[in-house]
């Protein structure tokens, strides 16, 4: 974990408290980077996490928002299979 502080100096004990705060807010995730911007009584926390939730593709198919087709019946699966798929031109 990389910890960067900017602005006024703060104690290691206070830094540890901010690390614990971020960990409590994001259970099961590891902190990759923690940036602390200290300005008087105010501290801005910016952090990057490892083990973020993987991106799940959601599509709109025949009026439904779906991630996978596993809950579709045979008719809806056939509709999806017969759809015309367009290429994206760059």
Protein backbone atom coordinates (compact mmCIF):
# COMPACT_ATOMS: atom_id res chain seq x y z
CA UNK A 1 0.00 0.00 0.00
CA UNK A 2 1.27 3.46 -0.91
CA UNK A 3 0.32 6.34 1.39
CA UNK A 4 0.86 9.92 0.23
CA UNK A 5 0.27 12.97 2.42
CA UNK A 6 -0.01 16.50 1.16
CA UNK A 7 -0.34 19.71 3.15
CA UNK A 8 0.14 19.83 6.89
CA UNK A 9 1.96 17.05 8.74
CA UNK A 10 -0.08 14.47 10.63
CA UNK A 11 0.96 11.72 13.03
CA UNK A 12 1.39 8.08 12.08
CA UNK A 13 -1.42 7.27 14.52
CA UNK A 14 -3.82 9.52 12.58
CA UNK A 15 -2.71 8.00 9.27
CA UNK A 16 -3.41 4.54 10.71
CA UNK A 17 -6.92 5.67 11.69
CA UNK A 18 -7.61 6.81 8.11
CA UNK A 19 -6.35 3.45 6.80
CA UNK A 20 -8.68 1.64 9.22
CA UNK A 21 -11.57 3.87 8.14
CA UNK A 22 -11.08 3.02 4.47
CA UNK A 23 -10.78 -0.70 5.29
CA UNK A 24 -14.03 -0.63 7.30
CA UNK A 25 -15.84 1.10 4.43
CA UNK A 26 -14.54 -1.48 1.91
CA UNK A 27 -14.45 -4.90 3.58
CA UNK A 28 -12.59 -7.63 1.74
CA UNK A 29 -10.69 -5.19 -0.47
CA UNK A 30 -7.05 -4.22 -0.30
CA UNK A 31 -5.95 -0.60 -0.49
CA UNK A 32 -3.51 0.01 -3.33
CA UNK A 33 -3.00 3.73 -2.73
CA UNK A 34 -4.22 6.23 -0.14
CA UNK A 35 -3.81 9.98 -0.67
CA UNK A 36 -4.38 12.30 2.27
CA UNK A 37 -4.70 16.02 1.56
CA UNK A 38 -4.51 17.78 4.94
CA UNK A 39 -5.81 21.35 5.26
CA UNK A 40 -6.30 22.44 8.87
CA UNK A 41 -9.18 20.48 10.38
CA UNK A 42 -10.10 18.99 7.00
CA UNK A 43 -8.60 15.90 5.40
CA UNK A 44 -9.55 14.77 1.90
CA UNK A 45 -9.26 11.01 1.37
CA UNK A 46 -8.69 9.67 -2.12
CA UNK A 47 -7.94 6.00 -2.49
CA UNK A 48 -7.57 3.23 -5.03
CA UNK A 49 -8.58 -0.33 -4.19
CA UNK A 50 -7.42 -3.69 -5.43
CA UNK A 51 -9.92 -6.54 -5.79
CA UNK A 52 -12.65 -4.25 -7.05
CA UNK A 53 -15.88 -5.90 -8.11
CA UNK A 54 -15.41 -7.16 -11.66
CA UNK A 55 -17.35 -5.37 -14.35
CA UNK A 56 -20.49 -7.20 -15.39
CA UNK A 57 -21.88 -6.47 -18.81
CA UNK A 58 -25.57 -5.59 -18.77
CA UNK A 59 -27.49 -5.60 -22.03
CA UNK A 60 -30.95 -4.53 -23.00
CA UNK A 61 -32.47 -7.45 -24.84
CA UNK A 62 -36.07 -7.47 -25.96
CA UNK A 63 -37.00 -4.90 -23.33
CA UNK A 64 -35.19 -6.55 -20.40
CA UNK A 65 -31.94 -5.54 -18.69
CA UNK A 66 -29.91 -8.71 -18.29
CA UNK A 67 -26.36 -9.73 -17.46
CA UNK A 68 -26.66 -13.32 -18.67
CA UNK A 69 -29.23 -15.31 -20.57
CA UNK A 70 -29.44 -18.19 -18.10
CA UNK A 71 -32.88 -17.13 -16.82
CA UNK A 72 -34.39 -16.73 -20.30
CA UNK A 73 -36.82 -19.33 -21.59
CA UNK A 74 -36.28 -20.95 -25.01
CA UNK A 75 -38.36 -18.32 -26.82
CA UNK A 76 -36.36 -15.38 -25.44
CA UNK A 77 -33.08 -17.19 -26.15
CA UNK A 78 -34.19 -17.72 -29.76
CA UNK A 79 -35.08 -14.00 -30.02
CA UNK A 80 -31.61 -13.05 -28.81
CA UNK A 81 -29.97 -15.50 -31.20
CA UNK A 82 -31.90 -14.09 -34.18
CA UNK A 83 -31.01 -10.47 -33.43
CA UNK A 84 -28.97 -8.60 -36.01
CA UNK A 85 -25.65 -7.65 -34.49
CA UNK A 86 -24.00 -4.50 -35.82
CA UNK A 87 -20.30 -3.75 -35.95
CA UNK A 88 -18.96 -0.53 -34.50
CA UNK A 89 -16.95 1.52 -36.98
CA UNK A 90 -14.12 3.61 -35.61
